[in-house]
Amino acid sequence: MITLYEDWQANTVVVCATTLAVSLSVLVHYEGLALISNWLAKRRELHSRRKVLYSIFSVLALHVTEIWIFGITIWLTLQYPETGFIKGADPLHLLDAVYLSAVTFNTLGFGDLVPVGPIRFIAGTMSLTGFVLITWSASFTYLEMERYWRK
C-alpha cells in the first residue's frame, strides 16, 4: 500500500507549485509596491493625507491578488489526486480553495477546511509568505504615512 507521501511525483508537483506561487506572489508584491510608491509620488493632491488612503486600498488589492494566486494554485494542484485533498470541501470548488487561501495567508486558519497529504506544504508555506508580505505592507504603509500624513 502506498501512502500519500511515498508518491514522489505528487510531492514534486506540490513543491514546484508552491515555489511558483511564492515566487509569483513576491514578484507581484514587489512590483506592486514600486508602482504604488511611484504613482503616489507623482500624484498631485490638495490633501496629501489622501495618498495614505490610496496606499491602503492599493496594498489590500495586492493581498487579494496574492490570495487568489495561492487559491488557484491549490485548486489546480488538487486536480492531481495524489497531491492530497481538502477535508471539509467535497468536492473542492475554486472559491473553497480561495477561501482556504485567505484564512491561511493571513494566518487566521479557522479549521473548517483542512489540507491533507502533500498539499499541506503549500498551506504551510502560504502562511509564512502571507505573514512576510503583510508585514512588508505594514512597513510600506508606515513609510507612506510618514511621508504624507503631516504635510
N, C-alpha and C. Protein backbone atom coordinates (compact mmCIF):
# COMPACT_ATOMS: atom_id res chain seq x y z
N MET A 1 0.83 -1.18 0.00
CA MET A 1 0.00 0.00 0.00
C MET A 1 0.89 1.25 0.00
N ILE A 2 0.60 2.20 -0.88
CA ILE A 2 1.37 3.44 -0.98
C ILE A 2 0.66 4.52 -0.17
N THR A 3 1.40 5.18 0.72
CA THR A 3 0.83 6.29 1.47
C THR A 3 0.95 7.57 0.65
N LEU A 4 0.33 8.62 1.11
CA LEU A 4 0.33 9.88 0.37
C LEU A 4 1.73 10.45 0.16
N TYR A 5 2.66 10.18 1.06
CA TYR A 5 3.97 10.81 0.96
C TYR A 5 5.00 9.96 0.22
N GLU A 6 4.62 8.77 -0.21
CA GLU A 6 5.55 7.93 -0.96
C GLU A 6 5.52 8.21 -2.45
N ASP A 7 4.55 8.98 -2.91
CA ASP A 7 4.44 9.32 -4.32
C ASP A 7 5.31 10.55 -4.60
N TRP A 8 6.54 10.32 -5.04
CA TRP A 8 7.48 11.42 -5.24
C TRP A 8 7.07 12.32 -6.39
N GLN A 9 6.34 11.80 -7.33
CA GLN A 9 5.85 12.65 -8.41
C GLN A 9 4.85 13.67 -7.86
N ALA A 10 3.95 13.23 -6.99
CA ALA A 10 2.98 14.14 -6.37
C ALA A 10 3.70 15.16 -5.48
N ASN A 11 4.69 14.70 -4.71
CA ASN A 11 5.45 15.62 -3.87
C ASN A 11 6.17 16.67 -4.70
N THR A 12 6.71 16.27 -5.83
CA THR A 12 7.40 17.20 -6.72
C THR A 12 6.43 18.22 -7.30
N VAL A 13 5.25 17.76 -7.68
CA VAL A 13 4.22 18.68 -8.19
C VAL A 13 3.89 19.73 -7.14
N VAL A 14 3.72 19.31 -5.89
CA VAL A 14 3.38 20.24 -4.80
C VAL A 14 4.52 21.23 -4.56
N VAL A 15 5.74 20.77 -4.51
CA VAL A 15 6.89 21.66 -4.27
C VAL A 15 7.04 22.65 -5.42
N CYS A 16 6.90 22.19 -6.65
CA CYS A 16 7.01 23.10 -7.80
C CYS A 16 5.88 24.12 -7.81
N ALA A 17 4.66 23.67 -7.52
CA ALA A 17 3.51 24.59 -7.48
C ALA A 17 3.70 25.63 -6.38
N THR A 18 4.21 25.18 -5.23
CA THR A 18 4.45 26.09 -4.12
C THR A 18 5.51 27.12 -4.48
N THR A 19 6.59 26.67 -5.06
CA THR A 19 7.67 27.57 -5.48
C THR A 19 7.16 28.61 -6.47
N LEU A 20 6.36 28.18 -7.42
CA LEU A 20 5.81 29.09 -8.41
C LEU A 20 4.88 30.11 -7.75
N ALA A 21 3.99 29.66 -6.86
CA ALA A 21 3.04 30.57 -6.21
C ALA A 21 3.76 31.59 -5.32
N VAL A 22 4.75 31.14 -4.56
CA VAL A 22 5.51 32.05 -3.70
C VAL A 22 6.25 33.06 -4.56
N SER A 23 6.92 32.60 -5.59
CA SER A 23 7.68 33.50 -6.46
C SER A 23 6.78 34.53 -7.12
N LEU A 24 5.65 34.09 -7.64
CA LEU A 24 4.73 35.00 -8.30
C LEU A 24 4.15 36.01 -7.30
N SER A 25 3.81 35.55 -6.11
CA SER A 25 3.25 36.46 -5.09
C SER A 25 4.27 37.51 -4.65
N VAL A 26 5.50 37.10 -4.42
CA VAL A 26 6.54 38.06 -4.01
C VAL A 26 6.81 39.05 -5.14
N LEU A 27 6.85 38.57 -6.37
CA LEU A 27 7.07 39.44 -7.52
C LEU A 27 5.92 40.44 -7.67
N VAL A 28 4.69 39.97 -7.55
CA VAL A 28 3.52 40.86 -7.63
C VAL A 28 3.60 41.92 -6.53
N HIS A 29 3.97 41.49 -5.33
CA HIS A 29 4.05 42.42 -4.20
C HIS A 29 5.15 43.47 -4.42
N TYR A 30 6.31 43.01 -4.81
CA TYR A 30 7.45 43.90 -5.04
C TYR A 30 7.12 44.94 -6.12
N GLU A 31 6.66 44.46 -7.26
CA GLU A 31 6.35 45.37 -8.37
C GLU A 31 5.15 46.25 -8.02
N GLY A 32 4.17 45.69 -7.32
CA GLY A 32 3.01 46.46 -6.92
C GLY A 32 3.37 47.61 -5.99
N LEU A 33 4.20 47.34 -4.99
CA LEU A 33 4.61 48.40 -4.08
C LEU A 33 5.43 49.47 -4.80
N ALA A 34 6.26 49.04 -5.73
CA ALA A 34 7.05 50.01 -6.50
C ALA A 34 6.13 50.91 -7.33
N LEU A 35 5.14 50.31 -7.99
CA LEU A 35 4.19 51.09 -8.78
C LEU A 35 3.38 52.05 -7.91
N ILE A 36 2.91 51.56 -6.78
CA ILE A 36 2.13 52.40 -5.86
C ILE A 36 2.97 53.58 -5.40
N SER A 37 4.20 53.31 -4.98
CA SER A 37 5.08 54.36 -4.49
C SER A 37 5.33 55.42 -5.55
N ASN A 38 5.63 54.99 -6.76
CA ASN A 38 5.88 55.93 -7.87
C ASN A 38 4.63 56.73 -8.21
N TRP A 39 3.49 56.05 -8.23
CA TRP A 39 2.23 56.71 -8.55
C TRP A 39 1.88 57.77 -7.50
N LEU A 40 2.07 57.42 -6.23
CA LEU A 40 1.77 58.38 -5.16
C LEU A 40 2.70 59.60 -5.21
N ALA A 41 3.96 59.36 -5.53
CA ALA A 41 4.92 60.47 -5.60
C ALA A 41 4.57 61.45 -6.71
N LYS A 42 4.03 60.96 -7.81
CA LYS A 42 3.69 61.82 -8.95
C LYS A 42 2.31 62.46 -8.82
N ARG A 43 1.47 61.89 -7.99
CA ARG A 43 0.08 62.35 -7.87
C ARG A 43 0.00 63.69 -7.13
N ARG A 44 -0.70 64.64 -7.72
CA ARG A 44 -0.93 65.95 -7.11
C ARG A 44 -2.23 65.86 -6.32
N GLU A 45 -2.17 66.16 -5.04
CA GLU A 45 -3.35 66.11 -4.17
C GLU A 45 -3.43 67.39 -3.36
N LEU A 46 -4.62 67.91 -3.23
CA LEU A 46 -4.85 69.06 -2.37
C LEU A 46 -4.59 68.68 -0.91
N HIS A 47 -5.05 67.50 -0.54
CA HIS A 47 -4.83 66.96 0.80
C HIS A 47 -3.94 65.72 0.67
N SER A 48 -2.69 65.86 1.04
CA SER A 48 -1.74 64.76 0.82
C SER A 48 -2.06 63.53 1.65
N ARG A 49 -2.87 63.70 2.72
CA ARG A 49 -3.23 62.54 3.54
C ARG A 49 -4.07 61.53 2.75
N ARG A 50 -4.71 61.97 1.68
CA ARG A 50 -5.47 61.03 0.83
C ARG A 50 -4.55 59.98 0.23
N LYS A 51 -3.31 60.34 0.05
CA LYS A 51 -2.35 59.38 -0.51
C LYS A 51 -2.21 58.16 0.40
N VAL A 52 -2.36 58.37 1.68
CA VAL A 52 -2.30 57.24 2.62
C VAL A 52 -3.48 56.30 2.35
N LEU A 53 -4.66 56.86 2.14
CA LEU A 53 -5.82 56.02 1.81
C LEU A 53 -5.59 55.25 0.52
N TYR A 54 -5.07 55.94 -0.49
CA TYR A 54 -4.78 55.26 -1.75
C TYR A 54 -3.80 54.11 -1.55
N SER A 55 -2.81 54.33 -0.71
CA SER A 55 -1.83 53.26 -0.47
C SER A 55 -2.47 52.08 0.27
N ILE A 56 -3.36 52.36 1.23
CA ILE A 56 -4.03 51.28 1.96
C ILE A 56 -4.88 50.43 1.02
N PHE A 57 -5.71 51.09 0.21
CA PHE A 57 -6.55 50.34 -0.72
C PHE A 57 -5.72 49.59 -1.75
N SER A 58 -4.63 50.17 -2.18
CA SER A 58 -3.76 49.50 -3.15
C SER A 58 -3.09 48.27 -2.55
N VAL A 59 -2.63 48.39 -1.32
CA VAL A 59 -1.99 47.26 -0.64
C VAL A 59 -3.01 46.13 -0.42
N LEU A 60 -4.23 46.50 -0.05
CA LEU A 60 -5.28 45.48 0.09
C LEU A 60 -5.53 44.76 -1.23
N ALA A 61 -5.54 45.50 -2.32
CA ALA A 61 -5.73 44.88 -3.64
C ALA A 61 -4.59 43.92 -3.96
N LEU A 62 -3.36 44.29 -3.59
CA LEU A 62 -2.23 43.38 -3.79
C LEU A 62 -2.43 42.08 -3.02
N HIS A 63 -2.86 42.20 -1.77
CA HIS A 63 -3.05 40.99 -0.95
C HIS A 63 -4.17 40.11 -1.49
N VAL A 64 -5.22 40.70 -1.96
CA VAL A 64 -6.31 39.91 -2.55
C VAL A 64 -5.80 39.18 -3.79
N THR A 65 -4.99 39.85 -4.58
CA THR A 65 -4.39 39.21 -5.76
C THR A 65 -3.52 38.02 -5.35
N GLU A 66 -2.72 38.19 -4.31
CA GLU A 66 -1.84 37.12 -3.85
C GLU A 66 -2.65 35.95 -3.27
N ILE A 67 -3.73 36.26 -2.59
CA ILE A 67 -4.61 35.21 -2.07
C ILE A 67 -5.18 34.40 -3.23
N TRP A 68 -5.59 35.07 -4.29
CA TRP A 68 -6.10 34.37 -5.47
C TRP A 68 -5.02 33.53 -6.14
N ILE A 69 -3.79 34.03 -6.17
CA ILE A 69 -2.69 33.24 -6.75
C ILE A 69 -2.56 31.92 -6.00
N PHE A 70 -2.55 31.97 -4.68
CA PHE A 70 -2.43 30.74 -3.90
C PHE A 70 -3.69 29.88 -4.01
N GLY A 71 -4.86 30.51 -4.04
CA GLY A 71 -6.10 29.74 -4.17
C GLY A 71 -6.15 28.96 -5.47
N ILE A 72 -5.80 29.62 -6.55
CA ILE A 72 -5.77 28.95 -7.85
C ILE A 72 -4.72 27.85 -7.85
N THR A 73 -3.58 28.11 -7.23
CA THR A 73 -2.52 27.09 -7.15
C THR A 73 -3.00 25.86 -6.41
N ILE A 74 -3.67 26.05 -5.28
CA ILE A 74 -4.21 24.91 -4.53
C ILE A 74 -5.21 24.14 -5.38
N TRP A 75 -6.13 24.88 -5.97
CA TRP A 75 -7.19 24.25 -6.76
C TRP A 75 -6.61 23.45 -7.93
N LEU A 76 -5.65 24.05 -8.65
CA LEU A 76 -5.04 23.35 -9.79
C LEU A 76 -4.22 22.15 -9.33
N THR A 77 -3.48 22.31 -8.25
CA THR A 77 -2.64 21.21 -7.76
C THR A 77 -3.50 20.02 -7.34
N LEU A 78 -4.65 20.29 -6.75
CA LEU A 78 -5.53 19.20 -6.30
C LEU A 78 -6.26 18.51 -7.44
N GLN A 79 -6.09 19.00 -8.66
CA GLN A 79 -6.63 18.28 -9.82
C GLN A 79 -5.84 16.98 -10.03
N TYR A 80 -4.67 16.93 -9.45
CA TYR A 80 -3.84 15.72 -9.44
C TYR A 80 -4.11 15.04 -8.09
N PRO A 81 -4.96 14.01 -8.05
CA PRO A 81 -5.47 13.45 -6.79
C PRO A 81 -4.40 12.97 -5.79
N GLU A 82 -3.26 12.57 -6.27
CA GLU A 82 -2.22 12.07 -5.37
C GLU A 82 -1.60 13.16 -4.52
N THR A 83 -1.91 14.43 -4.81
CA THR A 83 -1.35 15.52 -4.02
C THR A 83 -2.10 15.74 -2.71
N GLY A 84 -3.22 15.07 -2.53
CA GLY A 84 -3.98 15.17 -1.30
C GLY A 84 -5.39 15.65 -1.54
N PHE A 85 -6.00 16.18 -0.49
CA PHE A 85 -7.37 16.69 -0.60
C PHE A 85 -7.61 17.69 0.53
N ILE A 86 -8.74 18.36 0.44
CA ILE A 86 -9.14 19.32 1.47
C ILE A 86 -10.33 18.73 2.23
N LYS A 87 -10.09 18.37 3.48
CA LYS A 87 -11.16 17.84 4.32
C LYS A 87 -12.13 18.97 4.64
N GLY A 88 -13.41 18.72 4.42
CA GLY A 88 -14.43 19.74 4.68
C GLY A 88 -14.97 20.35 3.40
N ALA A 89 -14.37 20.02 2.27
CA ALA A 89 -14.84 20.53 0.98
C ALA A 89 -14.81 19.40 -0.03
N ASP A 90 -15.95 18.75 -0.20
CA ASP A 90 -16.01 17.64 -1.14
C ASP A 90 -17.24 17.81 -2.01
N PRO A 91 -17.11 18.20 -3.24
CA PRO A 91 -15.87 18.46 -3.97
C PRO A 91 -15.32 19.86 -3.65
N LEU A 92 -14.06 20.03 -3.93
CA LEU A 92 -13.42 21.33 -3.72
C LEU A 92 -13.69 22.23 -4.92
N HIS A 93 -14.36 23.33 -4.67
CA HIS A 93 -14.60 24.33 -5.72
C HIS A 93 -13.51 25.39 -5.65
N LEU A 94 -13.37 26.14 -6.72
CA LEU A 94 -12.34 27.18 -6.78
C LEU A 94 -12.50 28.18 -5.62
N LEU A 95 -13.71 28.60 -5.32
CA LEU A 95 -13.90 29.57 -4.24
C LEU A 95 -13.60 28.96 -2.87
N ASP A 96 -13.74 27.65 -2.72
CA ASP A 96 -13.31 26.99 -1.48
C ASP A 96 -11.79 27.11 -1.34
N ALA A 97 -11.09 26.90 -2.44
CA ALA A 97 -9.63 26.99 -2.42
C ALA A 97 -9.18 28.43 -2.14
N VAL A 98 -9.90 29.40 -2.69
CA VAL A 98 -9.56 30.81 -2.43
C VAL A 98 -9.84 31.16 -0.97
N TYR A 99 -10.95 30.65 -0.44
CA TYR A 99 -11.27 30.87 0.98
C TYR A 99 -10.18 30.26 1.88
N LEU A 100 -9.78 29.02 1.58
CA LEU A 100 -8.70 28.38 2.34
C LEU A 100 -7.44 29.22 2.24
N SER A 101 -7.17 29.73 1.06
CA SER A 101 -6.00 30.58 0.85
C SER A 101 -6.09 31.84 1.71
N ALA A 102 -7.25 32.46 1.76
CA ALA A 102 -7.41 33.70 2.52
C ALA A 102 -7.19 33.48 4.02
N VAL A 103 -7.78 32.43 4.57
CA VAL A 103 -7.63 32.23 6.02
C VAL A 103 -6.24 31.70 6.38
N THR A 104 -5.57 31.10 5.42
CA THR A 104 -4.20 30.62 5.67
C THR A 104 -3.20 31.75 5.46
N PHE A 105 -3.38 32.53 4.39
CA PHE A 105 -2.48 33.63 4.05
C PHE A 105 -2.36 34.62 5.20
N ASN A 106 -3.47 34.93 5.85
CA ASN A 106 -3.42 35.89 6.96
C ASN A 106 -3.23 35.20 8.31
N THR A 107 -2.91 33.94 8.29
CA THR A 107 -2.60 33.08 9.45
C THR A 107 -3.76 32.97 10.44
N LEU A 108 -4.99 33.18 9.98
CA LEU A 108 -6.16 33.03 10.83
C LEU A 108 -6.50 31.56 11.03
N GLY A 109 -6.67 30.82 9.93
CA GLY A 109 -6.91 29.39 9.97
C GLY A 109 -8.09 28.94 10.80
N PHE A 110 -9.30 29.10 10.31
CA PHE A 110 -10.49 28.68 11.04
C PHE A 110 -10.50 27.19 11.34
N GLY A 111 -10.02 26.37 10.43
CA GLY A 111 -10.01 24.93 10.65
C GLY A 111 -11.19 24.20 10.06
N ASP A 112 -12.09 24.91 9.39
CA ASP A 112 -13.22 24.24 8.76
C ASP A 112 -12.82 23.54 7.47
N LEU A 113 -11.77 23.99 6.83
CA LEU A 113 -11.17 23.32 5.69
C LEU A 113 -9.74 22.97 6.08
N VAL A 114 -9.40 21.69 5.91
CA VAL A 114 -8.09 21.22 6.38
C VAL A 114 -7.38 20.47 5.25
N PRO A 115 -6.19 20.92 4.87
CA PRO A 115 -5.44 20.20 3.84
C PRO A 115 -4.89 18.88 4.40
N VAL A 116 -4.98 17.85 3.58
CA VAL A 116 -4.49 16.52 3.97
C VAL A 116 -3.56 16.02 2.87
N GLY A 117 -2.41 15.51 3.26
CA GLY A 117 -1.46 14.98 2.30
C GLY A 117 -0.41 15.99 1.91
N PRO A 118 0.29 15.75 0.82
CA PRO A 118 1.38 16.64 0.40
C PRO A 118 0.95 18.10 0.20
N ILE A 119 -0.31 18.33 -0.09
CA ILE A 119 -0.80 19.70 -0.30
C ILE A 119 -0.59 20.58 0.93
N ARG A 120 -0.37 19.96 2.08
CA ARG A 120 -0.13 20.73 3.30
C ARG A 120 1.11 21.61 3.18
N PHE A 121 2.04 21.21 2.35
CA PHE A 121 3.25 22.02 2.15
C PHE A 121 2.89 23.40 1.59
N ILE A 122 1.95 23.44 0.66
CA ILE A 122 1.52 24.73 0.12
C ILE A 122 0.91 25.58 1.24
N ALA A 123 0.07 24.97 2.05
CA ALA A 123 -0.61 25.72 3.12
C ALA A 123 0.40 26.30 4.11
N GLY A 124 1.35 25.51 4.53
CA GLY A 124 2.35 26.00 5.48
C GLY A 124 3.21 27.11 4.91
N THR A 125 3.61 26.94 3.68
CA THR A 125 4.44 27.94 3.02
C THR A 125 3.64 29.21 2.72
N MET A 126 2.37 29.04 2.39
CA MET A 126 1.49 30.18 2.14
C MET A 126 1.34 31.03 3.39
N SER A 127 1.22 30.39 4.54
CA SER A 127 1.10 31.11 5.80
C SER A 127 2.34 31.96 6.06
N LEU A 128 3.50 31.38 5.88
CA LEU A 128 4.75 32.12 6.06
C LEU A 128 4.85 33.28 5.06
N THR A 129 4.53 33.00 3.81
CA THR A 129 4.59 34.03 2.77
C THR A 129 3.62 35.17 3.08
N GLY A 130 2.41 34.83 3.48
CA GLY A 130 1.43 35.85 3.83
C GLY A 130 1.90 36.72 4.98
N PHE A 131 2.47 36.09 5.99
CA PHE A 131 2.97 36.84 7.14
C PHE A 131 4.06 37.82 6.71
N VAL A 132 4.98 37.37 5.88
CA VAL A 132 6.07 38.23 5.41
C VAL A 132 5.52 39.37 4.55
N LEU A 133 4.60 39.07 3.64
CA LEU A 133 4.07 40.11 2.76
C LEU A 133 3.20 41.10 3.51
N ILE A 134 2.46 40.64 4.49
CA ILE A 134 1.63 41.55 5.29
C ILE A 134 2.51 42.49 6.12
N THR A 135 3.58 41.98 6.69
CA THR A 135 4.47 42.85 7.47
C THR A 135 5.22 43.82 6.54
N TRP A 136 5.54 43.37 5.35
CA TRP A 136 6.16 44.24 4.35
C TRP A 136 5.20 45.39 4.02
N SER A 137 3.92 45.07 3.87
CA SER A 137 2.91 46.09 3.59
C SER A 137 2.77 47.06 4.76
N ALA A 138 2.86 46.54 5.96
CA ALA A 138 2.78 47.42 7.14
C ALA A 138 3.94 48.40 7.16
N SER A 139 5.13 47.93 6.83
CA SER A 139 6.30 48.82 6.77
C SER A 139 6.12 49.86 5.67
N PHE A 140 5.65 49.44 4.52
CA PHE A 140 5.41 50.35 3.41
C PHE A 140 4.39 51.42 3.81
N THR A 141 3.31 50.99 4.43
CA THR A 141 2.26 51.92 4.85
C THR A 141 2.79 52.92 5.88
N TYR A 142 3.60 52.44 6.79
CA TYR A 142 4.21 53.33 7.78
C TYR A 142 5.05 54.41 7.09
N LEU A 143 5.86 54.00 6.14
CA LEU A 143 6.71 54.96 5.42
C LEU A 143 5.87 55.96 4.63
N GLU A 144 4.79 55.48 4.02
CA GLU A 144 3.92 56.39 3.27
C GLU A 144 3.22 57.36 4.22
N MET A 145 2.84 56.91 5.39
CA MET A 145 2.22 57.80 6.37
C MET A 145 3.22 58.85 6.85
N GLU A 146 4.45 58.44 7.07
CA GLU A 146 5.49 59.40 7.47
C GLU A 146 5.67 60.46 6.39
N ARG A 147 5.58 60.07 5.15
CA ARG A 147 5.82 60.98 4.03
C ARG A 147 4.64 61.92 3.81
N TYR A 148 3.41 61.42 3.95
CA TYR A 148 2.26 62.21 3.52
C TYR A 148 1.30 62.64 4.64
N TRP A 149 1.40 62.10 5.81
CA TRP A 149 0.40 62.34 6.83
C TRP A 149 0.41 63.77 7.35
N ARG A 150 1.58 64.29 7.63
CA ARG A 150 1.67 65.61 8.28
C ARG A 150 1.81 66.78 7.32
N LYS A 151 1.97 66.51 6.06
CA LYS A 151 2.18 67.61 5.09
C LYS A 151 0.92 68.44 4.93
